[in-house]
């Protein structure tokens, strides 16, 4: 089914009707339908009216939160100016011009008013998606995935969806769970379009994954499908989004080596890096997986290349030894809040140390060489390329129990749960990804996997991009 979102160059305006024509809130106050005007990425305007059948309305608030998957929501309450009376005009402008606000972010909002007798009344919560209204979007969807693109032929989006659905089906079998929220793949045509909604634009970023929204945004300059990009980047990014839903627990973070290893395992291309792990094992240069739990380090290209290769190798070994069912059990253990040591022991029947040693020996390392791994001295911190900032100076955030919003006619599936503040993971620009077959094992300068820059700070990423674009 074909749909188009927005009209290029025009402001998207739509009225939201809840129930019949009016939304009643408790006794004595009714709220008119809310009209919403979106001017992405600068502003959303909300307009309504509240009418009291009893005392005058003397105060009002606009209340909203971003609907994230996984944990409690942080709710913003904005006091709004009104003229007291039995009927009051409700108006709120949300200025998003200095924020990094993700396109198609789900937002849940309601109005709250107070009368002269001290009573408070709330409208029904409603959900909207903050659409990018600058372009005339095309859309295709299927199997929990929506693809959005513009100014490219239909075959482009159809091919992206075909690969995405294939990836989702593979990952559903691997993870052993269904998607909890739909996934959106939003394709921009250049860096200017992409960076316009970032508070800080980063030229070296070619895409991002916002796991708690189920959204990945990518830059693709070509008008026709690029088979390498489709078969590498799309499954890789979808894996990060799917894995987050399958195993996220703030008390039990997934090790980076496992997350990146699974993402590479789910690609439809062969990176050809197995030789790197075997050579490192034979030379006693394997990096302990336990040293790659929090990140892959900084300022050491060779180490980061090997870290990615080891992640993929370890996941291949895990699946070959314990099966896909074993991997699903392991992720379920993380989802239940178990630490890595507990998760491996419970799901696979081996300690993390024993698994690490068995994997190393299978790669050719000497027996017993990794039972007590030597820590690497480099720091391993994940990056924060574009932290998401919500609200402005006047906003106050308060954690409140989540309510179920009334679905709106936006044409996008309603999400059902929410999560903590998001820091997006980043992927390299398409220009750095070869459109040819990846180098074989004989090429010891094999490129990074498409998700490489997910864990790199900006200075290192710039070095890698310069290096790759000169190849």
Protein backbone atom coordinates (compact mmCIF):
# COMPACT_ATOMS: atom_id res chain seq x y z
CA UNK A 1 0.00 0.00 0.00
CA UNK A 2 1.42 3.35 -1.02
CA UNK A 3 1.28 6.45 1.17
CA UNK A 4 2.91 9.85 1.09
CA UNK A 5 3.64 11.96 4.13
CA UNK A 6 3.62 15.76 3.94
CA UNK A 7 3.80 18.17 0.99
CA UNK A 8 7.22 19.55 0.09
CA UNK A 9 7.63 23.16 1.18
CA UNK A 10 4.35 23.26 3.12
CA UNK A 11 3.60 23.00 6.82
CA UNK A 12 1.93 19.77 7.88
CA UNK A 13 -1.27 20.60 9.72
CA UNK A 14 -3.80 18.14 11.01
CA UNK A 15 -6.57 18.15 13.60
CA UNK A 16 -6.80 15.27 16.03
CA UNK A 17 -10.23 14.07 17.04
CA UNK A 18 -10.65 11.85 20.06
CA UNK A 19 -13.89 9.97 20.66
CA UNK A 20 -16.67 11.89 18.90
CA UNK A 21 -15.84 15.59 18.65
CA UNK A 22 -14.87 16.48 22.20
CA UNK A 23 -12.63 14.89 24.79
CA UNK A 24 -14.16 15.10 28.27
CA UNK A 25 -11.86 15.05 31.29
CA UNK A 26 -13.45 14.08 34.62
CA UNK A 27 -16.45 16.20 35.68
CA UNK A 28 -17.03 19.78 34.65
CA UNK A 29 -14.34 20.45 32.00
CA UNK A 30 -14.24 19.48 28.35
CA UNK A 31 -11.34 19.93 25.95
CA UNK A 32 -11.66 20.73 22.25
CA UNK A 33 -9.71 18.62 19.76
CA UNK A 34 -6.06 19.67 19.54
CA UNK A 35 -4.81 21.16 16.29
CA UNK A 36 -1.14 20.53 15.66
CA UNK A 37 1.15 22.35 13.23
CA UNK A 38 4.56 20.82 12.60
CA UNK A 39 7.44 22.85 11.15
CA UNK A 40 10.24 20.31 11.39
CA UNK A 41 12.88 20.71 12.74
CA UNK A 42 12.13 24.08 14.35
CA UNK A 43 8.75 23.98 16.07
CA UNK A 44 5.51 22.18 16.89
CA UNK A 45 2.45 24.27 17.76
CA UNK A 46 -0.47 22.90 19.80
CA UNK A 47 -3.86 24.66 20.04
CA UNK A 48 -7.04 23.75 21.89
CA UNK A 49 -9.73 25.14 24.21
CA UNK A 50 -11.01 24.05 27.61
CA UNK A 51 -14.51 24.84 28.85
CA UNK A 52 -15.64 24.53 32.46
CA UNK A 53 -19.28 24.04 33.48
CA UNK A 54 -18.47 25.02 37.06
CA UNK A 55 -15.74 27.32 38.43
CA UNK A 56 -13.51 29.50 36.27
CA UNK A 57 -10.30 27.99 34.89
CA UNK A 58 -7.40 29.97 36.34
CA UNK A 59 -4.26 28.01 35.39
CA UNK A 60 -3.14 25.61 32.63
CA UNK A 61 -0.24 23.36 31.65
CA UNK A 62 0.95 21.51 28.58
CA UNK A 63 2.36 18.10 29.57
CA UNK A 64 4.37 15.81 27.29
CA UNK A 65 7.04 13.11 27.07
CA UNK A 66 8.94 11.30 24.33
CA UNK A 67 7.67 7.74 24.05
CA UNK A 68 10.76 5.58 24.46
CA UNK A 69 11.02 1.83 24.76
CA UNK A 70 12.22 0.15 27.92
CA UNK A 71 11.87 2.28 31.06
CA UNK A 72 10.05 5.15 32.79
CA UNK A 73 9.39 8.33 30.87
CA UNK A 74 10.61 11.78 31.88
CA UNK A 75 7.60 14.08 31.67
CA UNK A 76 7.85 17.80 30.98
CA UNK A 77 5.20 20.14 32.40
CA UNK A 78 5.01 23.60 30.85
CA UNK A 79 2.91 26.35 32.44
CA UNK A 80 1.07 28.28 29.74
CA UNK A 81 -0.43 31.76 29.86
CA UNK A 82 -4.26 31.96 29.79
CA UNK A 83 -6.97 34.53 30.38
CA UNK A 84 -9.01 33.09 33.32
CA UNK A 85 -12.60 32.27 32.51
CA UNK A 86 -15.15 29.53 31.93
CA UNK A 87 -13.63 28.97 28.46
CA UNK A 88 -9.89 29.40 27.95
CA UNK A 89 -7.63 29.26 24.91
CA UNK A 90 -4.84 26.67 25.23
CA UNK A 91 -1.72 27.31 23.16
CA UNK A 92 1.81 25.94 23.35
CA UNK A 93 4.79 26.40 21.02
CA UNK A 94 7.48 23.78 21.46
CA UNK A 95 10.70 25.28 20.12
CA UNK A 96 12.89 22.45 18.83
CA UNK A 97 15.27 24.61 16.80
CA UNK A 98 18.23 24.12 19.14
CA UNK A 99 17.61 20.43 19.86
CA UNK A 100 18.62 17.16 18.26
CA UNK A 101 15.13 15.83 17.78
CA UNK A 102 14.84 12.62 15.76
CA UNK A 103 12.41 12.63 12.81
CA UNK A 104 9.33 10.53 13.53
CA UNK A 105 9.93 10.77 17.28
CA UNK A 106 6.78 9.56 19.07
CA UNK A 107 5.44 12.22 21.44
CA UNK A 108 2.65 11.73 24.00
CA UNK A 109 0.93 14.86 25.33
CA UNK A 110 -2.11 16.17 27.20
CA UNK A 111 -3.50 19.40 28.63
CA UNK A 112 -4.02 20.07 32.33
CA UNK A 113 -6.13 22.89 33.79
CA UNK A 114 -6.93 24.09 37.31
CA UNK A 115 -10.11 25.87 38.39
CA UNK A 116 -10.71 28.52 41.04
CA UNK A 117 -11.81 25.86 43.53
CA UNK A 118 -8.44 24.08 43.36
CA UNK A 119 -9.61 21.19 41.18
CA UNK A 120 -7.47 19.93 38.31
CA UNK A 121 -8.57 18.30 35.06
CA UNK A 122 -6.63 16.53 32.31
CA UNK A 123 -7.42 15.78 28.69
CA UNK A 124 -6.91 12.29 27.31
CA UNK A 125 -3.25 11.57 26.43
CA UNK A 126 -2.61 11.55 22.68
CA UNK A 127 0.30 10.33 20.59
CA UNK A 128 1.80 12.01 17.54
CA UNK A 129 4.92 11.46 15.44
CA UNK A 130 7.12 14.47 14.78
CA UNK A 131 7.39 14.08 11.03
CA UNK A 132 10.00 15.74 8.86
CA UNK A 133 7.69 18.09 6.95
CA UNK A 134 10.39 19.47 4.64
CA UNK A 135 10.01 16.74 2.04
CA UNK A 136 7.37 14.77 0.20
CA UNK A 137 8.08 11.34 1.65
CA UNK A 138 7.40 7.98 0.07
CA UNK A 139 6.74 5.03 2.33
CA UNK A 140 6.71 1.26 2.20
CA UNK A 141 6.11 -1.01 5.16
CA UNK A 142 5.94 -4.68 6.04
CA UNK A 143 6.69 -7.11 8.87
CA UNK A 144 7.17 -4.40 11.50
CA UNK A 145 9.47 -2.23 9.32
CA UNK A 146 8.70 1.11 7.68
CA UNK A 147 11.00 2.62 5.03
CA UNK A 148 10.78 6.37 4.31
CA UNK A 149 12.64 8.13 1.46
CA UNK A 150 12.16 11.05 -0.94
CA UNK A 151 13.27 12.22 -4.38
CA UNK A 152 14.30 8.74 -5.43
CA UNK A 153 12.43 6.22 -7.59
CA UNK A 154 10.03 3.75 -6.03
CA UNK A 155 12.41 0.88 -6.76
CA UNK A 156 14.86 2.34 -4.25
CA UNK A 157 12.52 2.14 -1.26
CA UNK A 158 11.08 -1.17 -2.37
CA UNK A 159 14.54 -2.72 -2.48
CA UNK A 160 15.41 -1.30 0.95
CA UNK A 161 12.22 -2.80 2.37
CA UNK A 162 12.90 -6.16 0.71
CA UNK A 163 16.33 -6.41 2.35
CA UNK A 164 15.01 -5.05 5.66
CA UNK A 165 12.21 -7.61 5.86
CA UNK A 166 14.66 -10.38 5.03
CA UNK A 167 16.93 -9.12 7.82
CA UNK A 168 14.08 -8.90 10.32
CA UNK A 169 13.00 -12.45 9.55
CA UNK A 170 16.55 -13.71 10.08
CA UNK A 171 16.96 -11.76 13.30
CA UNK A 172 13.60 -12.85 14.66
CA UNK A 173 14.75 -16.47 14.39
CA UNK A 174 18.12 -15.64 15.89
CA UNK A 175 16.83 -13.62 18.85
CA UNK A 176 13.80 -15.79 19.50
CA UNK A 177 11.42 -12.85 20.13
CA UNK A 178 9.15 -10.60 18.10
CA UNK A 179 9.67 -6.88 17.72
CA UNK A 180 8.16 -4.93 20.60
CA UNK A 181 7.92 -1.66 18.63
CA UNK A 182 8.05 -1.04 14.87
CA UNK A 183 11.34 -0.08 13.21
CA UNK A 184 11.69 2.96 10.97
CA UNK A 185 14.42 3.33 8.31
CA UNK A 186 14.61 6.99 7.24
CA UNK A 187 16.85 7.72 4.24
CA UNK A 188 18.25 11.20 3.56
CA UNK A 189 19.96 12.16 0.31
CA UNK A 190 22.84 14.26 1.65
CA UNK A 191 24.53 15.57 4.78
CA UNK A 192 22.72 18.92 4.67
CA UNK A 193 19.32 17.27 4.92
CA UNK A 194 20.60 14.97 7.65
CA UNK A 195 22.43 17.54 9.77
CA UNK A 196 19.61 20.10 9.69
CA UNK A 197 17.86 18.41 12.63
CA UNK A 198 21.02 17.94 14.69
CA UNK A 199 22.03 20.44 17.32
CA UNK A 200 25.62 19.62 16.32
CA UNK A 201 26.18 18.31 12.80
CA UNK A 202 29.00 15.81 12.32
CA UNK A 203 30.28 15.49 8.77
CA UNK A 204 31.82 12.08 9.43
CA UNK A 205 28.51 10.50 10.48
CA UNK A 206 26.66 8.71 7.69
CA UNK A 207 23.82 7.34 9.80
CA UNK A 208 22.57 6.80 13.30
CA UNK A 209 20.57 4.22 15.24
CA UNK A 210 18.20 5.46 17.93
CA UNK A 211 17.45 2.16 19.61
CA UNK A 212 14.92 3.39 22.16
CA UNK A 213 12.76 4.80 19.35
CA UNK A 214 13.35 1.93 16.93
CA UNK A 215 14.62 4.44 14.35
CA UNK A 216 17.68 4.42 12.11
CA UNK A 217 18.50 7.41 9.89
CA UNK A 218 20.92 6.99 6.98
CA UNK A 219 22.49 9.12 4.24
CA UNK A 220 22.41 7.55 0.77
CA UNK A 221 23.41 9.75 -2.18
CA UNK A 222 22.76 7.28 -4.99
CA UNK A 223 19.29 7.27 -6.57
CA UNK A 224 19.29 3.55 -7.26
CA UNK A 225 19.80 0.74 -4.75
CA UNK A 226 23.41 0.07 -3.77
CA UNK A 227 23.60 -3.69 -3.21
CA UNK A 228 26.56 -3.49 -0.84
CA UNK A 229 24.90 -0.83 1.33
CA UNK A 230 21.63 -2.75 1.39
CA UNK A 231 23.17 -6.06 2.30
CA UNK A 232 25.65 -4.76 4.86
CA UNK A 233 24.45 -1.57 6.52
CA UNK A 234 20.72 -2.27 6.67
CA UNK A 235 20.93 -5.70 8.39
CA UNK A 236 23.72 -4.36 10.65
CA UNK A 237 21.70 -1.35 11.87
CA UNK A 238 18.49 -3.34 12.18
CA UNK A 239 20.39 -5.83 14.33
CA UNK A 240 21.32 -3.07 16.80
CA UNK A 241 17.69 -1.94 16.98
CA UNK A 242 16.29 -5.47 17.27
CA UNK A 243 18.89 -6.58 19.82
CA UNK A 244 18.03 -3.60 22.01
CA UNK A 245 14.41 -4.68 22.09
CA UNK A 246 15.30 -8.34 22.61
CA UNK A 247 17.80 -7.92 25.44
CA UNK A 248 17.75 -4.39 26.87
CA UNK A 249 17.97 -4.12 30.63
CA UNK A 250 19.63 -1.07 32.20
CA UNK A 251 20.99 -3.27 34.98
CA UNK A 252 22.70 -5.71 32.59
CA UNK A 253 24.28 -4.03 29.54
CA UNK A 254 25.17 -6.24 26.59
CA UNK A 255 28.98 -6.37 26.08
CA UNK A 256 30.05 -4.29 23.09
CA UNK A 257 31.92 -7.21 21.52
CA UNK A 258 28.71 -9.27 21.61
CA UNK A 259 26.51 -6.47 20.27
CA UNK A 260 28.86 -5.66 17.39
CA UNK A 261 29.61 -9.30 16.75
CA UNK A 262 25.90 -10.10 16.37
CA UNK A 263 25.38 -7.08 14.08
CA UNK A 264 28.17 -8.29 11.78
CA UNK A 265 26.88 -11.86 11.98
CA UNK A 266 23.50 -10.62 10.72
CA UNK A 267 24.94 -8.85 7.66
CA UNK A 268 24.35 -10.40 4.26
CA UNK A 269 27.97 -9.81 3.23
CA UNK A 270 31.21 -11.50 4.22
CA UNK A 271 33.73 -9.10 5.76
CA UNK A 272 36.54 -11.61 5.23
CA UNK A 273 38.29 -10.86 8.54
CA UNK A 274 38.50 -14.35 10.09
CA UNK A 275 42.18 -14.53 9.17
CA UNK A 276 42.91 -11.57 11.47
CA UNK A 277 41.65 -13.47 14.51
CA UNK A 278 43.53 -16.65 13.66
CA UNK A 279 46.80 -14.78 13.11
CA UNK A 280 46.38 -12.91 16.39
CA UNK A 281 45.63 -16.17 18.22
CA UNK A 282 48.70 -17.91 16.83
CA UNK A 283 50.89 -14.93 17.69
CA UNK A 284 49.49 -14.55 21.20
CA UNK A 285 47.98 -11.15 20.37
CA UNK A 286 44.27 -11.82 20.88
CA UNK A 287 42.50 -9.11 22.86
CA UNK A 288 40.55 -10.71 25.72
CA UNK A 289 36.83 -10.43 25.10
CA UNK A 290 36.46 -9.32 28.70
CA UNK A 291 38.50 -6.24 27.77
CA UNK A 292 36.05 -5.43 24.99
CA UNK A 293 32.90 -5.38 27.08
CA UNK A 294 32.60 -1.60 27.41
CA UNK A 295 34.10 -0.54 24.07
CA UNK A 296 36.92 -1.01 21.61
CA UNK A 297 39.33 1.67 22.81
CA UNK A 298 40.63 4.85 21.21
CA UNK A 299 43.40 6.01 18.88
CA UNK A 300 44.49 2.51 17.84
CA UNK A 301 43.22 1.53 14.41
CA UNK A 302 44.78 -1.94 14.41
CA UNK A 303 43.29 -2.76 17.80
CA UNK A 304 39.82 -1.60 16.79
CA UNK A 305 39.94 -3.62 13.56
CA UNK A 306 40.93 -6.70 15.52
CA UNK A 307 38.23 -6.01 18.13
CA UNK A 308 35.50 -6.03 15.48
CA UNK A 309 36.92 -9.17 13.93
CA UNK A 310 37.04 -10.89 17.33
CA UNK A 311 33.44 -9.93 18.06
CA UNK A 312 32.26 -11.55 14.85
CA UNK A 313 34.49 -14.59 15.39
CA UNK A 314 33.25 -15.11 18.96
CA UNK A 315 29.60 -14.92 17.91
CA UNK A 316 30.21 -17.40 15.08
CA UNK A 317 31.85 -19.75 17.57
CA UNK A 318 29.02 -19.31 20.09
CA UNK A 319 26.36 -20.16 17.51
CA UNK A 320 28.32 -23.11 16.11
CA UNK A 321 28.78 -24.58 19.60
CA UNK A 322 25.50 -23.73 21.34
CA UNK A 323 23.22 -23.11 18.40
CA UNK A 324 20.94 -20.17 17.75
CA UNK A 325 18.83 -21.37 20.66
CA UNK A 326 21.86 -20.91 22.92
CA UNK A 327 22.28 -17.32 21.75
CA UNK A 328 18.58 -16.66 22.32
CA UNK A 329 18.88 -18.05 25.87
CA UNK A 330 21.90 -15.82 26.50
CA UNK A 331 20.06 -12.69 25.37
CA UNK A 332 17.03 -13.65 27.45
CA UNK A 333 19.33 -13.88 30.48
CA UNK A 334 20.57 -10.34 29.85
CA UNK A 335 16.96 -9.21 29.43
CA UNK A 336 16.22 -10.71 32.85
CA UNK A 337 18.96 -8.55 34.37
CA UNK A 338 21.79 -11.07 34.76
CA UNK A 339 25.40 -9.98 34.59
CA UNK A 340 27.62 -11.39 31.87
CA UNK A 341 29.07 -14.04 34.19
CA UNK A 342 25.61 -15.05 35.37
CA UNK A 343 24.14 -14.97 31.86
CA UNK A 344 26.82 -17.24 30.36
CA UNK A 345 26.62 -19.72 33.23
CA UNK A 346 22.83 -19.85 33.20
CA UNK A 347 22.24 -19.86 29.43
CA UNK A 348 25.26 -21.81 28.16
CA UNK A 349 26.48 -23.74 31.17
CA UNK A 350 29.98 -22.28 30.99
CA UNK A 351 31.58 -19.30 32.67
CA UNK A 352 32.57 -16.29 30.59
CA UNK A 353 36.23 -17.13 31.28
CA UNK A 354 35.77 -20.72 30.10
CA UNK A 355 33.93 -19.59 26.96
CA UNK A 356 36.68 -17.10 26.20
CA UNK A 357 39.41 -19.70 26.57
CA UNK A 358 37.56 -22.31 24.49
CA UNK A 359 36.99 -19.77 21.72
CA UNK A 360 40.64 -18.65 21.80
CA UNK A 361 41.89 -22.23 21.58
CA UNK A 362 39.49 -22.93 18.70
CA UNK A 363 41.12 -19.99 16.89
CA UNK A 364 44.61 -21.44 17.49
CA UNK A 365 45.68 -19.84 20.77
CA UNK A 366 47.82 -21.92 23.18
CA UNK A 367 45.92 -23.92 25.79
CA UNK A 368 45.31 -21.91 28.96
CA UNK A 369 46.52 -18.65 27.45
CA UNK A 370 43.31 -16.77 28.24
CA UNK A 371 42.10 -18.24 31.50
CA UNK A 372 43.48 -15.20 33.33
CA UNK A 373 43.52 -12.48 30.68
CA UNK A 374 45.83 -9.51 31.03
CA UNK A 375 43.84 -6.25 30.93
CA UNK A 376 44.63 -3.86 28.14
CA UNK A 377 45.67 -0.41 29.39
CA UNK A 378 43.58 1.59 26.92
CA UNK A 379 40.30 3.15 28.08
CA UNK A 380 37.17 1.75 26.44
CA UNK A 381 34.39 4.26 26.65
CA UNK A 382 31.46 4.40 24.20
CA UNK A 383 31.19 7.75 22.39
CA UNK A 384 28.53 10.42 22.59
CA UNK A 385 28.56 11.99 19.10
CA UNK A 386 25.16 13.70 19.27
CA UNK A 387 23.56 13.61 22.74
CA UNK A 388 19.86 14.25 22.63
CA UNK A 389 18.74 17.31 24.59
CA UNK A 390 15.09 17.64 25.45
CA UNK A 391 13.31 20.88 26.24
CA UNK A 392 14.63 24.33 27.10
CA UNK A 393 15.62 26.33 30.17
CA UNK A 394 12.06 26.73 31.39
CA UNK A 395 11.21 23.05 31.37
CA UNK A 396 11.09 20.86 34.42
CA UNK A 397 11.21 17.09 34.19
CA UNK A 398 9.29 14.82 36.53
CA UNK A 399 9.07 11.04 36.37
CA UNK A 400 5.41 9.96 36.41
CA UNK A 401 3.63 6.66 35.74
CA UNK A 402 3.01 6.14 32.06
CA UNK A 403 -0.53 6.38 30.68
CA UNK A 404 -1.81 4.75 27.53
CA UNK A 405 -2.42 7.39 24.84
CA UNK A 406 -5.21 7.37 22.33
CA UNK A 407 -3.80 6.40 18.92
CA UNK A 408 -3.87 9.10 16.28
CA UNK A 409 -4.44 8.79 12.53
CA UNK A 410 -0.80 9.30 11.58
CA UNK A 411 -0.42 6.25 9.39
CA UNK A 412 2.44 4.98 11.61
CA UNK A 413 2.00 1.96 13.94
CA UNK A 414 1.48 2.93 17.58
CA UNK A 415 4.39 2.08 19.88
CA UNK A 416 3.51 0.45 23.14
CA UNK A 417 6.29 1.21 25.59
CA UNK A 418 9.06 3.67 26.41
CA UNK A 419 12.75 4.10 27.47
CA UNK A 420 15.41 6.33 29.02
CA UNK A 421 17.21 9.18 27.27
CA UNK A 422 18.90 8.11 24.09
CA UNK A 423 22.40 8.63 22.76
CA UNK A 424 22.42 7.51 19.15
CA UNK A 425 24.98 5.12 17.75
CA UNK A 426 26.60 6.28 14.54
CA UNK A 427 27.57 4.66 11.27
CA UNK A 428 30.09 5.90 8.69
CA UNK A 429 29.07 7.90 5.63
CA UNK A 430 28.20 5.82 2.57
CA UNK A 431 31.23 7.31 0.82
CA UNK A 432 33.47 5.27 3.07
CA UNK A 433 31.77 1.98 2.28
CA UNK A 434 33.12 0.15 -0.73
CA UNK A 435 30.59 -0.70 -3.40
CA UNK A 436 32.70 -3.66 -4.47
CA UNK A 437 33.07 -7.09 -2.96
CA UNK A 438 34.90 -6.84 0.41
CA UNK A 439 38.61 -7.74 0.28
CA UNK A 440 39.57 -11.35 0.76
CA UNK A 441 41.64 -12.76 3.60
CA UNK A 442 44.77 -11.95 1.63
CA UNK A 443 44.11 -8.23 2.01
CA UNK A 444 45.31 -7.32 5.49
CA UNK A 445 43.94 -3.81 5.11
CA UNK A 446 40.33 -5.00 4.92
CA UNK A 447 37.86 -2.16 5.61
CA UNK A 448 35.87 -1.90 8.79
CA UNK A 449 32.42 -3.36 8.97
CA UNK A 450 29.63 -0.84 8.20
CA UNK A 451 28.98 -0.31 11.89
CA UNK A 452 32.59 0.49 12.75
CA UNK A 453 32.19 4.14 13.64
CA UNK A 454 29.47 3.30 16.13
CA UNK A 455 32.06 3.25 18.86
CA UNK A 456 34.62 5.80 17.68
CA UNK A 457 35.12 9.29 19.06
CA UNK A 458 35.21 12.05 16.47
CA UNK A 459 39.00 12.56 16.15
CA UNK A 460 39.63 8.87 15.47
CA UNK A 461 36.68 8.65 13.12
CA UNK A 462 38.06 11.49 11.06
CA UNK A 463 41.39 9.69 10.71
CA UNK A 464 39.64 6.51 9.55
CA UNK A 465 37.46 8.31 7.06
CA UNK A 466 40.44 10.09 5.50
CA UNK A 467 42.25 6.80 5.29
CA UNK A 468 39.35 4.93 3.72
CA UNK A 469 38.46 7.60 1.20
CA UNK A 470 42.06 7.54 -0.06
CA UNK A 471 41.91 3.83 -0.79
